[in-house]
Amino acid sequence: MTVVSVYCVFASAEEAERIGRTVIEQRLAACINILPPCRSIYRWNGAIETAQEVPAILKTSADLSDRLMTTIAGLHSYAVPAITVWPVEKLLSTYADWVTDSTTG
């Protein structure tokens, strides 16, 4: 199995935890790391905006990444959530086994 990391940004830690718990319960991800809030500056509807957001990284298989992204997007409060998949070039085989066990039951 190929393991990937899925990077997301949420409106709050509560939203990240709620969605993270849901996708882990559904076995779409093995883990979510909810990071400290960050300051984001971005263009939205023609204006420059600034917001505090909460980044998170989820671990899953490449095979599940599309379903995971779709599920997160459906539960997310943003109209256009930032959800990206990052390849994992190297990892411990025992870690890969844990991700597999956690996402396949």
PDB file of N, CA and C in Angstrom:
ATOM      1  N   MET A   1       0.845  -1.183   0.000  1.00  0.00           N
ATOM      2  CA  MET A   1       0.000   0.000   0.000  1.00  0.00           C
ATOM      3  C   MET A   1       0.884   1.238   0.000  1.00  0.00           C
ATOM      4  N   THR A   2       0.483   2.221  -0.773  1.00  0.00           N
ATOM      5  CA  THR A   2       1.174   3.508  -0.805  1.00  0.00           C
ATOM      6  C   THR A   2       0.505   4.449   0.183  1.00  0.00           C
ATOM      7  N   VAL A   3       1.284   4.978   1.114  1.00  0.00           N
ATOM      8  CA  VAL A   3       0.770   5.915   2.118  1.00  0.00           C
ATOM      9  C   VAL A   3       0.961   7.336   1.603  1.00  0.00           C
ATOM     10  N   VAL A   4      -0.039   8.188   1.833  1.00  0.00           N
ATOM     11  CA  VAL A   4       0.033   9.601   1.488  1.00  0.00           C
ATOM     12  C   VAL A   4      -0.383  10.429   2.698  1.00  0.00           C
ATOM     13  N   SER A   5       0.010  11.695   2.676  1.00  0.00           N
ATOM     14  CA  SER A   5      -0.456  12.661   3.667  1.00  0.00           C
ATOM     15  C   SER A   5      -1.449  13.587   2.982  1.00  0.00           C
ATOM     16  N   VAL A   6      -2.516  13.903   3.678  1.00  0.00           N
ATOM     17  CA  VAL A   6      -3.523  14.821   3.156  1.00  0.00           C
ATOM     18  C   VAL A   6      -3.493  16.065   4.033  1.00  0.00           C
ATOM     19  N   TYR A   7      -3.198  17.195   3.418  1.00  0.00           N
ATOM     20  CA  TYR A   7      -3.107  18.474   4.125  1.00  0.00           C
ATOM     21  C   TYR A   7      -4.418  19.227   3.944  1.00  0.00           C
ATOM     22  N   CYS A   8      -4.958  19.744   5.051  1.00  0.00           N
ATOM     23  CA  CYS A   8      -6.206  20.503   5.032  1.00  0.00           C
ATOM     24  C   CYS A   8      -6.070  21.726   5.924  1.00  0.00           C
ATOM     25  N   VAL A   9      -6.894  22.715   5.660  1.00  0.00           N
ATOM     26  CA  VAL A   9      -6.982  23.885   6.529  1.00  0.00           C
ATOM     27  C   VAL A   9      -8.443  24.038   6.936  1.00  0.00           C
ATOM     28  N   PHE A  10      -8.660  24.228   8.239  1.00  0.00           N
ATOM     29  CA  PHE A  10     -10.013  24.332   8.782  1.00  0.00           C
ATOM     30  C   PHE A  10     -10.247  25.701   9.420  1.00  0.00           C
ATOM     31  N   ALA A  11     -11.507  26.040   9.598  1.00  0.00           N
ATOM     32  CA  ALA A  11     -11.875  27.317  10.204  1.00  0.00           C
ATOM     33  C   ALA A  11     -11.575  27.358  11.702  1.00  0.00           C
ATOM     34  N   SER A  12     -11.540  26.177  12.347  1.00  0.00           N
ATOM     35  CA  SER A  12     -11.315  26.135  13.791  1.00  0.00           C
ATOM     36  C   SER A  12     -10.777  24.761  14.186  1.00  0.00           C
ATOM     37  N   ALA A  13     -10.217  24.689  15.389  1.00  0.00           N
ATOM     38  CA  ALA A  13      -9.751  23.405  15.912  1.00  0.00           C
ATOM     39  C   ALA A  13     -10.928  22.460  16.119  1.00  0.00           C
ATOM     40  N   GLU A  14     -12.067  22.998  16.499  1.00  0.00           N
ATOM     41  CA  GLU A  14     -13.258  22.173  16.707  1.00  0.00           C
ATOM     42  C   GLU A  14     -13.701  21.518  15.396  1.00  0.00           C
ATOM     43  N   GLU A  15     -13.676  22.278  14.311  1.00  0.00           N
ATOM     44  CA  GLU A  15     -14.050  21.716  13.019  1.00  0.00           C
ATOM     45  C   GLU A  15     -13.052  20.637  12.597  1.00  0.00           C
ATOM     46  N   ALA A  16     -11.762  20.901  12.773  1.00  0.00           N
ATOM     47  CA  ALA A  16     -10.729  19.918  12.427  1.00  0.00           C
ATOM     48  C   ALA A  16     -10.927  18.636  13.229  1.00  0.00           C
ATOM     49  N   GLU A  17     -11.207  18.765  14.516  1.00  0.00           N
ATOM     50  CA  GLU A  17     -11.400  17.580  15.357  1.00  0.00           C
ATOM     51  C   GLU A  17     -12.670  16.817  14.979  1.00  0.00           C
ATOM     52  N   ARG A  18     -13.751  17.532  14.713  1.00  0.00           N
ATOM     53  CA  ARG A  18     -15.014  16.885  14.337  1.00  0.00           C
ATOM     54  C   ARG A  18     -14.860  16.106  13.036  1.00  0.00           C
ATOM     55  N   ILE A  19     -14.293  16.738  12.035  1.00  0.00           N
ATOM     56  CA  ILE A  19     -14.115  16.080  10.745  1.00  0.00           C
ATOM     57  C   ILE A  19     -13.067  14.978  10.854  1.00  0.00           C
ATOM     58  N   GLY A  20     -11.980  15.240  11.569  1.00  0.00           N
ATOM     59  CA  GLY A  20     -10.946  14.229  11.748  1.00  0.00           C
ATOM     60  C   GLY A  20     -11.482  12.976  12.417  1.00  0.00           C
ATOM     61  N   ARG A  21     -12.243  13.159  13.463  1.00  0.00           N
ATOM     62  CA  ARG A  21     -12.827  12.010  14.166  1.00  0.00           C
ATOM     63  C   ARG A  21     -13.763  11.224  13.234  1.00  0.00           C
ATOM     64  N   THR A  22     -14.542  11.935  12.438  1.00  0.00           N
ATOM     65  CA  THR A  22     -15.472  11.282  11.519  1.00  0.00           C
ATOM     66  C   THR A  22     -14.734  10.416  10.501  1.00  0.00           C
ATOM     67  N   VAL A  23     -13.695  10.958   9.869  1.00  0.00           N
ATOM     68  CA  VAL A  23     -13.003  10.190   8.830  1.00  0.00           C
ATOM     69  C   VAL A  23     -12.195   9.046   9.418  1.00  0.00           C
ATOM     70  N   ILE A  24     -11.748   9.188  10.651  1.00  0.00           N
ATOM     71  CA  ILE A  24     -11.049   8.072  11.307  1.00  0.00           C
ATOM     72  C   ILE A  24     -12.058   6.984  11.675  1.00  0.00           C
ATOM     73  N   GLU A  25     -13.227   7.370  12.174  1.00  0.00           N
ATOM     74  CA  GLU A  25     -14.267   6.390  12.465  1.00  0.00           C
ATOM     75  C   GLU A  25     -14.683   5.630  11.202  1.00  0.00           C
ATOM     76  N   GLN A  26     -14.684   6.316  10.056  1.00  0.00           N
ATOM     77  CA  GLN A  26     -15.048   5.693   8.782  1.00  0.00           C
ATOM     78  C   GLN A  26     -13.874   4.941   8.151  1.00  0.00           C
ATOM     79  N   ARG A  27     -12.727   4.926   8.818  1.00  0.00           N
ATOM     80  CA  ARG A  27     -11.506   4.258   8.347  1.00  0.00           C
ATOM     81  C   ARG A  27     -10.977   4.828   7.034  1.00  0.00           C
ATOM     82  N   LEU A  28     -11.261   6.108   6.783  1.00  0.00           N
ATOM     83  CA  LEU A  28     -10.712   6.776   5.610  1.00  0.00           C
ATOM     84  C   LEU A  28      -9.325   7.337   5.895  1.00  0.00           C
ATOM     85  N   ALA A  29      -8.980   7.482   7.159  1.00  0.00           N
ATOM     86  CA  ALA A  29      -7.659   7.959   7.574  1.00  0.00           C
ATOM     87  C   ALA A  29      -7.246   7.210   8.831  1.00  0.00           C
ATOM     88  N   ALA A  30      -5.946   7.069   9.004  1.00  0.00           N
ATOM     89  CA  ALA A  30      -5.422   6.403  10.194  1.00  0.00           C
ATOM     90  C   ALA A  30      -5.229   7.386  11.339  1.00  0.00           C
ATOM     91  N   CYS A  31      -4.988   8.663  10.992  1.00  0.00           N
ATOM     92  CA  CYS A  31      -4.615   9.645  12.007  1.00  0.00           C
ATOM     93  C   CYS A  31      -4.833  11.043  11.452  1.00  0.00           C
ATOM     94  N   ILE A  32      -5.076  11.985  12.351  1.00  0.00           N
ATOM     95  CA  ILE A  32      -5.058  13.406  11.993  1.00  0.00           C
ATOM     96  C   ILE A  32      -4.173  14.120  13.001  1.00  0.00           C
ATOM     97  N   ASN A  33      -3.260  14.929  12.515  1.00  0.00           N
ATOM     98  CA  ASN A  33      -2.463  15.813  13.363  1.00  0.00           C
ATOM     99  C   ASN A  33      -3.034  17.210  13.203  1.00  0.00           C
ATOM    100  N   ILE A  34      -3.626  17.734  14.265  1.00  0.00           N
ATOM    101  CA  ILE A  34      -4.192  19.077  14.241  1.00  0.00           C
ATOM    102  C   ILE A  34      -3.122  20.017  14.771  1.00  0.00           C
ATOM    103  N   LEU A  35      -2.693  20.926  13.923  1.00  0.00           N
ATOM    104  CA  LEU A  35      -1.575  21.819  14.228  1.00  0.00           C
ATOM    105  C   LEU A  35      -2.077  23.109  14.877  1.00  0.00           C
ATOM    106  N   PRO A  36      -1.160  23.884  15.447  1.00  0.00           N
ATOM    107  CA  PRO A  36      -1.567  25.163  16.035  1.00  0.00           C
ATOM    108  C   PRO A  36      -2.136  26.103  14.971  1.00  0.00           C
ATOM    109  N   PRO A  37      -2.977  27.027  15.389  1.00  0.00           N
ATOM    110  CA  PRO A  37      -3.547  27.983  14.429  1.00  0.00           C
ATOM    111  C   PRO A  37      -2.446  28.731  13.668  1.00  0.00           C
ATOM    112  N   CYS A  38      -2.782  29.095  12.439  1.00  0.00           N
ATOM    113  CA  CYS A  38      -1.870  29.889  11.619  1.00  0.00           C
ATOM    114  C   CYS A  38      -2.623  31.097  11.079  1.00  0.00           C
ATOM    115  N   ARG A  39      -1.884  32.063  10.632  1.00  0.00           N
ATOM    116  CA  ARG A  39      -2.467  33.257  10.028  1.00  0.00           C
ATOM    117  C   ARG A  39      -2.417  33.073   8.518  1.00  0.00           C
ATOM    118  N   SER A  40      -3.547  33.205   7.848  1.00  0.00           N
ATOM    119  CA  SER A  40      -3.614  33.053   6.404  1.00  0.00           C
ATOM    120  C   SER A  40      -3.989  34.378   5.754  1.00  0.00           C
ATOM    121  N   ILE A  41      -3.319  34.680   4.665  1.00  0.00           N
ATOM    122  CA  ILE A  41      -3.630  35.856   3.851  1.00  0.00           C
ATOM    123  C   ILE A  41      -3.914  35.325   2.453  1.00  0.00           C
ATOM    124  N   TYR A  42      -5.080  35.670   1.909  1.00  0.00           N
ATOM    125  CA  TYR A  42      -5.487  35.083   0.638  1.00  0.00           C
ATOM    126  C   TYR A  42      -6.453  36.020  -0.093  1.00  0.00           C
ATOM    127  N   ARG A  43      -6.615  35.764  -1.370  1.00  0.00           N
ATOM    128  CA  ARG A  43      -7.573  36.530  -2.175  1.00  0.00           C
ATOM    129  C   ARG A  43      -8.876  35.732  -2.239  1.00  0.00           C
ATOM    130  N   TRP A  44      -9.993  36.391  -1.924  1.00  0.00           N
ATOM    131  CA  TRP A  44     -11.302  35.747  -1.986  1.00  0.00           C
ATOM    132  C   TRP A  44     -12.315  36.752  -2.502  1.00  0.00           C
ATOM    133  N   ASN A  45     -13.013  36.384  -3.560  1.00  0.00           N
ATOM    134  CA  ASN A  45     -14.017  37.259  -4.176  1.00  0.00           C
ATOM    135  C   ASN A  45     -13.459  38.646  -4.482  1.00  0.00           C
ATOM    136  N   GLY A  46     -12.217  38.678  -4.982  1.00  0.00           N
ATOM    137  CA  GLY A  46     -11.610  39.925  -5.417  1.00  0.00           C
ATOM    138  C   GLY A  46     -10.978  40.773  -4.331  1.00  0.00           C
ATOM    139  N   ALA A  47     -11.043  40.337  -3.087  1.00  0.00           N
ATOM    140  CA  ALA A  47     -10.471  41.121  -1.982  1.00  0.00           C
ATOM    141  C   ALA A  47      -9.392  40.310  -1.275  1.00  0.00           C
ATOM    142  N   ILE A  48      -8.434  41.012  -0.696  1.00  0.00           N
ATOM    143  CA  ILE A  48      -7.412  40.367   0.116  1.00  0.00           C
ATOM    144  C   ILE A  48      -7.985  40.193   1.518  1.00  0.00           C
ATOM    145  N   GLU A  49      -7.993  38.945   1.993  1.00  0.00           N
ATOM    146  CA  GLU A  49      -8.555  38.605   3.307  1.00  0.00           C
ATOM    147  C   GLU A  49      -7.442  38.099   4.225  1.00  0.00           C
ATOM    148  N   THR A  50      -7.672  38.202   5.511  1.00  0.00           N
ATOM    149  CA  THR A  50      -6.785  37.651   6.528  1.00  0.00           C
ATOM    150  C   THR A  50      -7.650  36.886   7.519  1.00  0.00           C
ATOM    151  N   ALA A  51      -7.185  35.681   7.884  1.00  0.00           N
ATOM    152  CA  ALA A  51      -7.959  34.873   8.822  1.00  0.00           C
ATOM    153  C   ALA A  51      -7.025  33.987   9.633  1.00  0.00           C
ATOM    154  N   GLN A  52      -7.489  33.595  10.797  1.00  0.00           N
ATOM    155  CA  GLN A  52      -6.802  32.565  11.570  1.00  0.00           C
ATOM    156  C   GLN A  52      -7.433  31.237  11.197  1.00  0.00           C
ATOM    157  N   GLU A  53      -6.595  30.273  10.816  1.00  0.00           N
ATOM    158  CA  GLU A  53      -7.085  28.968  10.411  1.00  0.00           C
ATOM    159  C   GLU A  53      -6.288  27.883  11.128  1.00  0.00           C
ATOM    160  N   VAL A  54      -6.782  26.659  11.037  1.00  0.00           N
ATOM    161  CA  VAL A  54      -6.142  25.529  11.708  1.00  0.00           C
ATOM    162  C   VAL A  54      -5.743  24.499  10.657  1.00  0.00           C
ATOM    163  N   PRO A  55      -4.428  24.333  10.420  1.00  0.00           N
ATOM    164  CA  PRO A  55      -3.982  23.313   9.483  1.00  0.00           C
ATOM    165  C   PRO A  55      -3.969  21.931  10.139  1.00  0.00           C
ATOM    166  N   ALA A  56      -4.101  20.910   9.308  1.00  0.00           N
ATOM    167  CA  ALA A  56      -4.060  19.535   9.803  1.00  0.00           C
ATOM    168  C   ALA A  56      -3.485  18.640   8.719  1.00  0.00           C
ATOM    169  N   ILE A  57      -2.872  17.543   9.162  1.00  0.00           N
ATOM    170  CA  ILE A  57      -2.324  16.547   8.250  1.00  0.00           C
ATOM    171  C   ILE A  57      -2.920  15.196   8.617  1.00  0.00           C
ATOM    172  N   LEU A  58      -3.498  14.526   7.635  1.00  0.00           N
ATOM    173  CA  LEU A  58      -4.071  13.199   7.835  1.00  0.00           C
ATOM    174  C   LEU A  58      -3.217  12.184   7.101  1.00  0.00           C
ATOM    175  N   LYS A  59      -3.164  10.951   7.627  1.00  0.00           N
ATOM    176  CA  LYS A  59      -2.432   9.864   6.991  1.00  0.00           C
ATOM    177  C   LYS A  59      -3.425   8.836   6.481  1.00  0.00           C
ATOM    178  N   THR A  60      -3.231   8.441   5.221  1.00  0.00           N
ATOM    179  CA  THR A  60      -4.124   7.467   4.610  1.00  0.00           C
ATOM    180  C   THR A  60      -3.402   6.755   3.483  1.00  0.00           C
ATOM    181  N   SER A  61      -4.120   5.905   2.775  1.00  0.00           N
ATOM    182  CA  SER A  61      -3.551   5.243   1.600  1.00  0.00           C
ATOM    183  C   SER A  61      -3.888   6.055   0.353  1.00  0.00           C
ATOM    184  N   ALA A  62      -3.064   5.910  -0.666  1.00  0.00           N
ATOM    185  CA  ALA A  62      -3.339   6.583  -1.934  1.00  0.00           C
ATOM    186  C   ALA A  62      -4.697   6.145  -2.478  1.00  0.00           C
ATOM    187  N   ASP A  63      -5.043   4.875  -2.279  1.00  0.00           N
ATOM    188  CA  ASP A  63      -6.319   4.343  -2.766  1.00  0.00           C
ATOM    189  C   ASP A  63      -7.525   5.018  -2.114  1.00  0.00           C
ATOM    190  N   LEU A  64      -7.371   5.469  -0.870  1.00  0.00           N
ATOM    191  CA  LEU A  64      -8.481   6.096  -0.148  1.00  0.00           C
ATOM    192  C   LEU A  64      -8.485   7.622  -0.257  1.00  0.00           C
ATOM    193  N   SER A  65      -7.459   8.201  -0.845  1.00  0.00           N
ATOM    194  CA  SER A  65      -7.307   9.657  -0.795  1.00  0.00           C
ATOM    195  C   SER A  65      -8.455  10.403  -1.478  1.00  0.00           C
ATOM    196  N   ASP A  66      -8.958   9.916  -2.604  1.00  0.00           N
ATOM    197  CA  ASP A  66     -10.077  10.603  -3.256  1.00  0.00           C
ATOM    198  C   ASP A  66     -11.334  10.579  -2.390  1.00  0.00           C
ATOM    199  N   ARG A  67     -11.644   9.426  -1.806  1.00  0.00           N
ATOM    200  CA  ARG A  67     -12.815   9.327  -0.912  1.00  0.00           C
ATOM    201  C   ARG A  67     -12.636  10.221   0.306  1.00  0.00           C
ATOM    202  N   LEU A  68     -11.416  10.256   0.851  1.00  0.00           N
ATOM    203  CA  LEU A  68     -11.140  11.102   2.011  1.00  0.00           C
ATOM    204  C   LEU A  68     -11.343  12.572   1.652  1.00  0.00           C
ATOM    205  N   MET A  69     -10.798  13.007   0.520  1.00  0.00           N
ATOM    206  CA  MET A  69     -10.954  14.411   0.109  1.00  0.00           C
ATOM    207  C   MET A  69     -12.424  14.767  -0.090  1.00  0.00           C
ATOM    208  N   THR A  70     -13.180  13.882  -0.727  1.00  0.00           N
ATOM    209  CA  THR A  70     -14.604  14.130  -0.962  1.00  0.00           C
ATOM    210  C   THR A  70     -15.375  14.217   0.353  1.00  0.00           C
ATOM    211  N   THR A  71     -15.061  13.335   1.289  1.00  0.00           N
ATOM    212  CA  THR A  71     -15.744  13.341   2.591  1.00  0.00           C
ATOM    213  C   THR A  71     -15.421  14.615   3.358  1.00  0.00           C
ATOM    214  N   ILE A  72     -14.139  14.988   3.408  1.00  0.00           N
ATOM    215  CA  ILE A  72     -13.754  16.221   4.107  1.00  0.00           C
ATOM    216  C   ILE A  72     -14.468  17.415   3.481  1.00  0.00           C
ATOM    217  N   ALA A  73     -14.449  17.505   2.153  1.00  0.00           N
ATOM    218  CA  ALA A  73     -15.091  18.634   1.476  1.00  0.00           C
ATOM    219  C   ALA A  73     -16.584  18.707   1.800  1.00  0.00           C
ATOM    220  N   GLY A  74     -17.240  17.560   1.887  1.00  0.00           N
ATOM    221  CA  GLY A  74     -18.665  17.533   2.191  1.00  0.00           C
ATOM    222  C   GLY A  74     -19.004  17.957   3.604  1.00  0.00           C
ATOM    223  N   LEU A  75     -18.068  17.794   4.524  1.00  0.00           N
ATOM    224  CA  LEU A  75     -18.285  18.151   5.928  1.00  0.00           C
ATOM    225  C   LEU A  75     -17.733  19.530   6.287  1.00  0.00           C
ATOM    226  N   HIS A  76     -16.964  20.112   5.400  1.00  0.00           N
ATOM    227  CA  HIS A  76     -16.211  21.343   5.663  1.00  0.00           C
ATOM    228  C   HIS A  76     -17.104  22.570   5.593  1.00  0.00           C
ATOM    229  N   SER A  77     -16.776  23.586   6.379  1.00  0.00           N
ATOM    230  CA  SER A  77     -17.559  24.823   6.391  1.00  0.00           C
ATOM    231  C   SER A  77     -17.209  25.760   5.240  1.00  0.00           C
ATOM    232  N   TYR A  78     -16.071  25.568   4.594  1.00  0.00           N
ATOM    233  CA  TYR A  78     -15.664  26.448   3.492  1.00  0.00           C
ATOM    234  C   TYR A  78     -16.300  25.995   2.175  1.00  0.00           C
ATOM    235  N   ALA A  79     -16.641  26.958   1.327  1.00  0.00           N
ATOM    236  CA  ALA A  79     -17.142  26.647  -0.013  1.00  0.00           C
ATOM    237  C   ALA A  79     -16.041  26.020  -0.866  1.00  0.00           C
ATOM    238  N   VAL A  80     -14.802  26.460  -0.647  1.00  0.00           N
ATOM    239  CA  VAL A  80     -13.643  25.941  -1.389  1.00  0.00           C
ATOM    240  C   VAL A  80     -12.552  25.601  -0.378  1.00  0.00           C
ATOM    241  N   PRO A  81     -12.636  24.430   0.264  1.00  0.00           N
ATOM    242  CA  PRO A  81     -11.625  24.078   1.261  1.00  0.00           C
ATOM    243  C   PRO A  81     -10.286  23.715   0.617  1.00  0.00           C
ATOM    244  N   ALA A  82      -9.214  24.035   1.329  1.00  0.00           N
ATOM    245  CA  ALA A  82      -7.875  23.631   0.894  1.00  0.00           C
ATOM    246  C   ALA A  82      -7.656  22.185   1.329  1.00  0.00           C
ATOM    247  N   ILE A  83      -7.602  21.288   0.366  1.00  0.00           N
ATOM    248  CA  ILE A  83      -7.362  19.864   0.635  1.00  0.00           C
ATOM    249  C   ILE A  83      -6.386  19.388  -0.440  1.00  0.00           C
ATOM    250  N   THR A  84      -5.196  19.002  -0.029  1.00  0.00           N
ATOM    251  CA  THR A  84      -4.195  18.542  -0.984  1.00  0.00           C
ATOM    252  C   THR A  84      -3.607  17.217  -0.527  1.00  0.00           C
ATOM    253  N   VAL A  85      -3.165  16.416  -1.485  1.00  0.00           N
ATOM    254  CA  VAL A  85      -2.528  15.139  -1.173  1.00  0.00           C
ATOM    255  C   VAL A  85      -1.036  15.273  -1.436  1.00  0.00           C
ATOM    256  N   TRP A  86      -0.246  14.910  -0.437  1.00  0.00           N
ATOM    257  CA  TRP A  86       1.212  14.943  -0.544  1.00  0.00           C
ATOM    258  C   TRP A  86       1.730  13.517  -0.595  1.00  0.00           C
ATOM    259  N   PRO A  87       2.559  13.201  -1.563  1.00  0.00           N
ATOM    260  CA  PRO A  87       3.146  11.858  -1.594  1.00  0.00           C
ATOM    261  C   PRO A  87       4.130  11.676  -0.443  1.00  0.00           C
ATOM    262  N   VAL A  88       4.254  10.462   0.006  1.00  0.00           N
ATOM    263  CA  VAL A  88       5.241  10.112   1.032  1.00  0.00           C
ATOM    264  C   VAL A  88       6.291   9.264   0.330  1.00  0.00           C
ATOM    265  N   GLU A  89       7.490   9.787   0.263  1.00  0.00           N
ATOM    266  CA  GLU A  89       8.536   9.098  -0.481  1.00  0.00           C
ATOM    267  C   GLU A  89       9.111   7.903   0.260  1.00  0.00           C
ATOM    268  N   LYS A  90       9.326   8.054   1.561  1.00  0.00           N
ATOM    269  CA  LYS A  90       9.872   6.966   2.370  1.00  0.00           C
ATOM    270  C   LYS A  90       9.190   6.954   3.724  1.00  0.00           C
ATOM    271  N   LEU A  91       9.036   5.752   4.289  1.00  0.00           N
ATOM    272  CA  LEU A  91       8.488   5.621   5.636  1.00  0.00           C
ATOM    273  C   LEU A  91       8.851   4.252   6.186  1.00  0.00           C
ATOM    274  N   LEU A  92       8.783   4.127   7.479  1.00  0.00           N
ATOM    275  CA  LEU A  92       9.045   2.843   8.121  1.00  0.00           C
ATOM    276  C   LEU A  92       7.989   1.833   7.700  1.00  0.00           C
ATOM    277  N   SER A  93       8.401   0.615   7.460  1.00  0.00           N
ATOM    278  CA  SER A  93       7.435  -0.409   7.051  1.00  0.00           C
ATOM    279  C   SER A  93       6.408  -0.667   8.148  1.00  0.00           C
ATOM    280  N   THR A  94       6.826  -0.572   9.410  1.00  0.00           N
ATOM    281  CA  THR A  94       5.876  -0.784  10.507  1.00  0.00           C
ATOM    282  C   THR A  94       4.819   0.330  10.542  1.00  0.00           C
ATOM    283  N   TYR A  95       5.215   1.544  10.161  1.00  0.00           N
ATOM    284  CA  TYR A  95       4.264   2.653  10.091  1.00  0.00           C
ATOM    285  C   TYR A  95       3.272   2.412   8.951  1.00  0.00           C
ATOM    286  N   ALA A  96       3.766   1.969   7.804  1.00  0.00           N
ATOM    287  CA  ALA A  96       2.885   1.649   6.676  1.00  0.00           C
ATOM    288  C   ALA A  96       1.897   0.552   7.068  1.00  0.00           C
ATOM    289  N   ASP A  97       2.387  -0.444   7.800  1.00  0.00           N
ATOM    290  CA  ASP A  97       1.504  -1.512   8.274  1.00  0.00           C
ATOM    291  C   ASP A  97       0.414  -0.967   9.186  1.00  0.00           C
ATOM    292  N   TRP A  98       0.785  -0.026  10.075  1.00  0.00           N
ATOM    293  CA  TRP A  98      -0.190   0.575  10.983  1.00  0.00           C
ATOM    294  C   TRP A  98      -1.256   1.362  10.209  1.00  0.00           C
ATOM    295  N   VAL A  99      -0.836   2.138   9.212  1.00  0.00           N
ATOM    296  CA  VAL A  99      -1.803   2.887   8.393  1.00  0.00           C
ATOM    297  C   VAL A  99      -2.749   1.909   7.695  1.00  0.00           C
ATOM    298  N   THR A 100      -2.187   0.835   7.151  1.00  0.00           N
ATOM    299  CA  THR A 100      -3.006  -0.184   6.478  1.00  0.00           C
ATOM    300  C   THR A 100      -4.005  -0.795   7.447  1.00  0.00           C
ATOM    301  N   ASP A 101      -3.540  -1.222   8.611  1.00  0.00           N
ATOM    302  CA  ASP A 101      -4.430  -1.826   9.598  1.00  0.00           C
ATOM    303  C   ASP A 101      -5.522  -0.854  10.050  1.00  0.00           C
ATOM    304  N   SER A 102      -5.158   0.407  10.210  1.00  0.00           N
ATOM    305  CA  SER A 102      -6.100   1.404  10.713  1.00  0.00           C
ATOM    306  C   SER A 102      -7.160   1.793   9.693  1.00  0.00           C
ATOM    307  N   THR A 103      -6.843   1.641   8.423  1.00  0.00           N
ATOM    308  CA  THR A 103      -7.796   2.045   7.398  1.00  0.00           C
ATOM    309  C   THR A 103      -8.539   0.892   6.743  1.00  0.00           C
ATOM    310  N   THR A 104      -8.103  -0.335   7.008  1.00  0.00           N
ATOM    311  CA  THR A 104      -8.793  -1.483   6.400  1.00  0.00           C
ATOM    312  C   THR A 104      -9.530  -2.341   7.430  1.00  0.00           C
ATOM    313  N   GLY A 105      -9.284  -2.103   8.687  1.00  0.00           N
ATOM    314  CA  GLY A 105      -9.984  -2.847   9.717  1.00  0.00           C
ATOM    315  C   GLY A 105      -9.348  -4.158   9.965  1.00  0.00           C
TER     316      GLY A 105
END
